[in-house]
Amino acid sequence: MEITVNGEKTAIEEMSVLSFLQKIDIDPKRVAVELNLDILPKADYDSTLLKGGDQLEIVHFVGGGR
């Protein structure tokens, strides 16, 4: 199936949001995920299955400052 991740179409097998993040080597504790224009609570990453046509936006937290 095909989903869109940060604006790029990506072919994946059926899996949860958590599994997808792990597959692309992203620590789920260090990102926020928007699924189809809604912020997805971290508690739902494992139970939310991705479907064809879904749109994911993955935002990394970056530390900085003085």
PDB file of N, CA and C in Angstrom:
ATOM      1  N   MET A   1       0.848  -1.170   0.000  1.00  0.00           N
ATOM      2  CA  MET A   1       0.000   0.000   0.000  1.00  0.00           C
ATOM      3  C   MET A   1       0.893   1.232   0.000  1.00  0.00           C
ATOM      4  N   GLU A   2       0.300   2.371  -0.270  1.00  0.00           N
ATOM      5  CA  GLU A   2       1.070   3.609  -0.350  1.00  0.00           C
ATOM      6  C   GLU A   2       0.540   4.634   0.644  1.00  0.00           C
ATOM      7  N   ILE A   3       1.466   5.259   1.381  1.00  0.00           N
ATOM      8  CA  ILE A   3       1.137   6.360   2.275  1.00  0.00           C
ATOM      9  C   ILE A   3       2.037   7.536   1.905  1.00  0.00           C
ATOM     10  N   THR A   4       1.727   8.695   2.443  1.00  0.00           N
ATOM     11  CA  THR A   4       2.563   9.875   2.231  1.00  0.00           C
ATOM     12  C   THR A   4       3.199  10.243   3.572  1.00  0.00           C
ATOM     13  N   VAL A   5       4.528  10.347   3.569  1.00  0.00           N
ATOM     14  CA  VAL A   5       5.273  10.676   4.786  1.00  0.00           C
ATOM     15  C   VAL A   5       6.045  11.966   4.535  1.00  0.00           C
ATOM     16  N   ASN A   6       5.699  12.993   5.295  1.00  0.00           N
ATOM     17  CA  ASN A   6       6.338  14.311   5.145  1.00  0.00           C
ATOM     18  C   ASN A   6       6.366  14.737   3.679  1.00  0.00           C
ATOM     19  N   GLY A   7       5.242  14.512   2.991  1.00  0.00           N
ATOM     20  CA  GLY A   7       5.091  14.972   1.619  1.00  0.00           C
ATOM     21  C   GLY A   7       5.603  14.033   0.539  1.00  0.00           C
ATOM     22  N   GLU A   8       6.203  12.896   0.925  1.00  0.00           N
ATOM     23  CA  GLU A   8       6.743  11.954  -0.053  1.00  0.00           C
ATOM     24  C   GLU A   8       5.974  10.642  -0.002  1.00  0.00           C
ATOM     25  N   LYS A   9       5.567  10.145  -1.155  1.00  0.00           N
ATOM     26  CA  LYS A   9       4.845   8.876  -1.229  1.00  0.00           C
ATOM     27  C   LYS A   9       5.804   7.734  -0.906  1.00  0.00           C
ATOM     28  N   THR A  10       5.323   6.796  -0.090  1.00  0.00           N
ATOM     29  CA  THR A  10       6.135   5.676   0.372  1.00  0.00           C
ATOM     30  C   THR A  10       5.298   4.411   0.335  1.00  0.00           C
ATOM     31  N   ALA A  11       5.841   3.331  -0.211  1.00  0.00           N
ATOM     32  CA  ALA A  11       5.157   2.042  -0.227  1.00  0.00           C
ATOM     33  C   ALA A  11       5.559   1.259   1.020  1.00  0.00           C
ATOM     34  N   ILE A  12       4.545   0.773   1.758  1.00  0.00           N
ATOM     35  CA  ILE A  12       4.809  -0.014   2.971  1.00  0.00           C
ATOM     36  C   ILE A  12       3.836  -1.177   3.034  1.00  0.00           C
ATOM     37  N   GLU A  13       4.140  -2.125   3.911  1.00  0.00           N
ATOM     38  CA  GLU A  13       3.189  -3.189   4.235  1.00  0.00           C
ATOM     39  C   GLU A  13       2.325  -2.689   5.384  1.00  0.00           C
ATOM     40  N   GLU A  14       1.242  -3.375   5.683  1.00  0.00           N
ATOM     41  CA  GLU A  14       0.391  -2.956   6.797  1.00  0.00           C
ATOM     42  C   GLU A  14       1.161  -3.077   8.098  1.00  0.00           C
ATOM     43  N   MET A  15       1.140  -1.989   8.887  1.00  0.00           N
ATOM     44  CA  MET A  15       1.815  -1.977  10.183  1.00  0.00           C
ATOM     45  C   MET A  15       1.282  -0.821  11.010  1.00  0.00           C
ATOM     46  N   SER A  16       1.636  -0.842  12.291  1.00  0.00           N
ATOM     47  CA  SER A  16       1.239   0.246  13.183  1.00  0.00           C
ATOM     48  C   SER A  16       2.168   1.441  12.984  1.00  0.00           C
ATOM     49  N   VAL A  17       1.744   2.573  13.502  1.00  0.00           N
ATOM     50  CA  VAL A  17       2.580   3.774  13.459  1.00  0.00           C
ATOM     51  C   VAL A  17       3.890   3.504  14.194  1.00  0.00           C
ATOM     52  N   LEU A  18       3.818   2.857  15.358  1.00  0.00           N
ATOM     53  CA  LEU A  18       5.025   2.547  16.123  1.00  0.00           C
ATOM     54  C   LEU A  18       5.974   1.673  15.310  1.00  0.00           C
ATOM     55  N   SER A  19       5.459   0.638  14.673  1.00  0.00           N
ATOM     56  CA  SER A  19       6.298  -0.242  13.860  1.00  0.00           C
ATOM     57  C   SER A  19       6.946   0.514  12.710  1.00  0.00           C
ATOM     58  N   PHE A  20       6.195   1.428  12.092  1.00  0.00           N
ATOM     59  CA  PHE A  20       6.751   2.218  10.999  1.00  0.00           C
ATOM     60  C   PHE A  20       7.891   3.094  11.498  1.00  0.00           C
ATOM     61  N   LEU A  21       7.696   3.761  12.629  1.00  0.00           N
ATOM     62  CA  LEU A  21       8.760   4.601  13.186  1.00  0.00           C
ATOM     63  C   LEU A  21      10.003   3.776  13.481  1.00  0.00           C
ATOM     64  N   GLN A  22       9.818   2.602  14.067  1.00  0.00           N
ATOM     65  CA  GLN A  22      10.954   1.731  14.368  1.00  0.00           C
ATOM     66  C   GLN A  22      11.642   1.275  13.086  1.00  0.00           C
ATOM     67  N   LYS A  23      10.854   0.974  12.047  1.00  0.00           N
ATOM     68  CA  LYS A  23      11.410   0.509  10.772  1.00  0.00           C
ATOM     69  C   LYS A  23      12.298   1.575  10.131  1.00  0.00           C
ATOM     70  N   ILE A  24      11.950   2.844  10.302  1.00  0.00           N
ATOM     71  CA  ILE A  24      12.754   3.915   9.706  1.00  0.00           C
ATOM     72  C   ILE A  24      13.720   4.531  10.731  1.00  0.00           C
ATOM     73  N   ASP A  25      13.965   3.785  11.809  1.00  0.00           N
ATOM     74  CA  ASP A  25      14.953   4.161  12.837  1.00  0.00           C
ATOM     75  C   ASP A  25      14.693   5.512  13.478  1.00  0.00           C
ATOM     76  N   ILE A  26      13.436   5.749  13.830  1.00  0.00           N
ATOM     77  CA  ILE A  26      13.072   6.969  14.548  1.00  0.00           C
ATOM     78  C   ILE A  26      12.601   6.594  15.944  1.00  0.00           C
ATOM     79  N   ASP A  27      13.177   7.247  16.948  1.00  0.00           N
ATOM     80  CA  ASP A  27      12.789   7.024  18.338  1.00  0.00           C
ATOM     81  C   ASP A  27      11.428   7.697  18.564  1.00  0.00           C
ATOM     82  N   PRO A  28      10.387   6.906  18.847  1.00  0.00           N
ATOM     83  CA  PRO A  28       9.056   7.494  19.000  1.00  0.00           C
ATOM     84  C   PRO A  28       8.946   8.496  20.153  1.00  0.00           C
ATOM     85  N   LYS A  29       9.873   8.457  21.085  1.00  0.00           N
ATOM     86  CA  LYS A  29       9.848   9.402  22.204  1.00  0.00           C
ATOM     87  C   LYS A  29      10.304  10.794  21.779  1.00  0.00           C
ATOM     88  N   ARG A  30      10.986  10.894  20.640  1.00  0.00           N
ATOM     89  CA  ARG A  30      11.595  12.156  20.237  1.00  0.00           C
ATOM     90  C   ARG A  30      10.893  12.814  19.053  1.00  0.00           C
ATOM     91  N   VAL A  31       9.673  12.332  18.733  1.00  0.00           N
ATOM     92  CA  VAL A  31       8.938  12.917  17.616  1.00  0.00           C
ATOM     93  C   VAL A  31       7.475  13.138  17.977  1.00  0.00           C
ATOM     94  N   ALA A  32       6.843  13.987  17.204  1.00  0.00           N
ATOM     95  CA  ALA A  32       5.389  14.123  17.233  1.00  0.00           C
ATOM     96  C   ALA A  32       4.897  13.625  15.880  1.00  0.00           C
ATOM     97  N   VAL A  33       3.748  12.949  15.878  1.00  0.00           N
ATOM     98  CA  VAL A  33       3.202  12.398  14.641  1.00  0.00           C
ATOM     99  C   VAL A  33       1.815  12.976  14.395  1.00  0.00           C
ATOM    100  N   GLU A  34       1.635  13.472  13.186  1.00  0.00           N
ATOM    101  CA  GLU A  34       0.317  13.924  12.735  1.00  0.00           C
ATOM    102  C   GLU A  34      -0.152  12.901  11.693  1.00  0.00           C
ATOM    103  N   LEU A  35      -1.326  12.349  11.903  1.00  0.00           N
ATOM    104  CA  LEU A  35      -1.905  11.367  10.984  1.00  0.00           C
ATOM    105  C   LEU A  35      -3.181  11.955  10.408  1.00  0.00           C
ATOM    106  N   ASN A  36      -3.184  12.156   9.107  1.00  0.00           N
ATOM    107  CA  ASN A  36      -4.348  12.714   8.418  1.00  0.00           C
ATOM    108  C   ASN A  36      -4.840  14.006   9.075  1.00  0.00           C
ATOM    109  N   LEU A  37      -3.890  14.887   9.335  1.00  0.00           N
ATOM    110  CA  LEU A  37      -4.132  16.241   9.862  1.00  0.00           C
ATOM    111  C   LEU A  37      -4.499  16.298  11.347  1.00  0.00           C
ATOM    112  N   ASP A  38      -4.424  15.173  12.059  1.00  0.00           N
ATOM    113  CA  ASP A  38      -4.688  15.150  13.503  1.00  0.00           C
ATOM    114  C   ASP A  38      -3.448  14.673  14.244  1.00  0.00           C
ATOM    115  N   ILE A  39      -3.111  15.351  15.344  1.00  0.00           N
ATOM    116  CA  ILE A  39      -1.995  14.907  16.182  1.00  0.00           C
ATOM    117  C   ILE A  39      -2.374  13.568  16.800  1.00  0.00           C
ATOM    118  N   LEU A  40      -1.484  12.595  16.677  1.00  0.00           N
ATOM    119  CA  LEU A  40      -1.724  11.261  17.226  1.00  0.00           C
ATOM    120  C   LEU A  40      -1.047  11.158  18.592  1.00  0.00           C
ATOM    121  N   PRO A  41      -1.810  10.869  19.653  1.00  0.00           N
ATOM    122  CA  PRO A  41      -1.186  10.711  20.976  1.00  0.00           C
ATOM    123  C   PRO A  41      -0.184   9.550  20.970  1.00  0.00           C
ATOM    124  N   LYS A  42       0.926   9.729  21.658  1.00  0.00           N
ATOM    125  CA  LYS A  42       1.955   8.684  21.713  1.00  0.00           C
ATOM    126  C   LYS A  42       1.386   7.353  22.200  1.00  0.00           C
ATOM    127  N   ALA A  43       0.421   7.399  23.086  1.00  0.00           N
ATOM    128  CA  ALA A  43      -0.184   6.179  23.615  1.00  0.00           C
ATOM    129  C   ALA A  43      -0.895   5.369  22.526  1.00  0.00           C
ATOM    130  N   ASP A  44      -1.213   6.020  21.403  1.00  0.00           N
ATOM    131  CA  ASP A  44      -1.930   5.343  20.317  1.00  0.00           C
ATOM    132  C   ASP A  44      -1.016   4.856  19.195  1.00  0.00           C
ATOM    133  N   TYR A  45       0.275   5.123  19.265  1.00  0.00           N
ATOM    134  CA  TYR A  45       1.186   4.737  18.177  1.00  0.00           C
ATOM    135  C   TYR A  45       1.120   3.236  17.893  1.00  0.00           C
ATOM    136  N   ASP A  46       1.106   2.419  18.937  1.00  0.00           N
ATOM    137  CA  ASP A  46       1.154   0.967  18.745  1.00  0.00           C
ATOM    138  C   ASP A  46      -0.184   0.401  18.265  1.00  0.00           C
ATOM    139  N   SER A  47      -1.280   1.011  18.646  1.00  0.00           N
ATOM    140  CA  SER A  47      -2.595   0.463  18.305  1.00  0.00           C
ATOM    141  C   SER A  47      -3.190   1.052  17.020  1.00  0.00           C
ATOM    142  N   THR A  48      -2.527   2.052  16.435  1.00  0.00           N
ATOM    143  CA  THR A  48      -3.044   2.689  15.222  1.00  0.00           C
ATOM    144  C   THR A  48      -2.384   2.076  13.998  1.00  0.00           C
ATOM    145  N   LEU A  49      -3.180   1.397  13.177  1.00  0.00           N
ATOM    146  CA  LEU A  49      -2.664   0.795  11.954  1.00  0.00           C
ATOM    147  C   LEU A  49      -2.724   1.802  10.812  1.00  0.00           C
ATOM    148  N   LEU A  50      -1.661   1.824  10.030  1.00  0.00           N
ATOM    149  CA  LEU A  50      -1.627   2.677   8.852  1.00  0.00           C
ATOM    150  C   LEU A  50      -2.433   2.034   7.740  1.00  0.00           C
ATOM    151  N   LYS A  51      -3.120   2.871   6.958  1.00  0.00           N
ATOM    152  CA  LYS A  51      -3.945   2.400   5.844  1.00  0.00           C
ATOM    153  C   LYS A  51      -3.499   3.098   4.570  1.00  0.00           C
ATOM    154  N   GLY A  52      -3.764   2.478   3.439  1.00  0.00           N
ATOM    155  CA  GLY A  52      -3.425   3.086   2.166  1.00  0.00           C
ATOM    156  C   GLY A  52      -4.032   4.469   2.052  1.00  0.00           C
ATOM    157  N   GLY A  53      -3.234   5.428   1.590  1.00  0.00           N
ATOM    158  CA  GLY A  53      -3.709   6.795   1.436  1.00  0.00           C
ATOM    159  C   GLY A  53      -3.482   7.667   2.657  1.00  0.00           C
ATOM    160  N   ASP A  54      -3.057   7.072   3.785  1.00  0.00           N
ATOM    161  CA  ASP A  54      -2.799   7.883   4.986  1.00  0.00           C
ATOM    162  C   ASP A  54      -1.694   8.891   4.713  1.00  0.00           C
ATOM    163  N   GLN A  55      -1.783  10.017   5.428  1.00  0.00           N
ATOM    164  CA  GLN A  55      -0.758  11.055   5.354  1.00  0.00           C
ATOM    165  C   GLN A  55      -0.150  11.236   6.737  1.00  0.00           C
ATOM    166  N   LEU A  56       1.143  10.993   6.835  1.00  0.00           N
ATOM    167  CA  LEU A  56       1.880  11.155   8.090  1.00  0.00           C
ATOM    168  C   LEU A  56       2.790  12.362   7.989  1.00  0.00           C
ATOM    169  N   GLU A  57       2.834  13.136   9.037  1.00  0.00           N
ATOM    170  CA  GLU A  57       3.845  14.168   9.198  1.00  0.00           C
ATOM    171  C   GLU A  57       4.585  13.817  10.482  1.00  0.00           C
ATOM    172  N   ILE A  58       5.887  13.669  10.378  1.00  0.00           N
ATOM    173  CA  ILE A  58       6.716  13.316  11.533  1.00  0.00           C
ATOM    174  C   ILE A  58       7.613  14.507  11.832  1.00  0.00           C
ATOM    175  N   VAL A  59       7.490  15.031  13.047  1.00  0.00           N
ATOM    176  CA  VAL A  59       8.249  16.220  13.443  1.00  0.00           C
ATOM    177  C   VAL A  59       9.213  15.829  14.548  1.00  0.00           C
ATOM    178  N   HIS A  60      10.509  16.092  14.309  1.00  0.00           N
ATOM    179  CA  HIS A  60      11.541  15.794  15.302  1.00  0.00           C
ATOM    180  C   HIS A  60      11.695  16.962  16.252  1.00  0.00           C
ATOM    181  N   PHE A  61      11.908  16.645  17.529  1.00  0.00           N
ATOM    182  CA  PHE A  61      12.211  17.668  18.509  1.00  0.00           C
ATOM    183  C   PHE A  61      13.705  17.955  18.464  1.00  0.00           C
ATOM    184  N   VAL A  62      14.068  19.223  18.436  1.00  0.00           N
ATOM    185  CA  VAL A  62      15.464  19.610  18.379  1.00  0.00           C
ATOM    186  C   VAL A  62      15.761  20.515  19.564  1.00  0.00           C
ATOM    187  N   GLY A  63      16.779  20.151  20.318  1.00  0.00           N
ATOM    188  CA  GLY A  63      17.190  20.975  21.446  1.00  0.00           C
ATOM    189  C   GLY A  63      18.083  22.105  20.970  1.00  0.00           C
ATOM    190  N   GLY A  64      18.175  23.114  21.755  1.00  0.00           N
ATOM    191  CA  GLY A  64      19.051  24.228  21.377  1.00  0.00           C
ATOM    192  C   GLY A  64      18.977  25.317  22.406  1.00  0.00           C
ATOM    193  N   GLY A  65      19.546  26.408  22.066  1.00  0.00           N
ATOM    194  CA  GLY A  65      19.547  27.531  22.980  1.00  0.00           C
ATOM    195  C   GLY A  65      20.896  27.707  23.639  1.00  0.00           C
ATOM    196  N   ARG A  66      20.888  28.507  24.658  1.00  0.00           N
ATOM    197  CA  ARG A  66      22.149  28.799  25.350  1.00  0.00           C
ATOM    198  C   ARG A  66      22.178  28.192  26.696  1.00  0.00           C
TER     199      ARG A  66
END
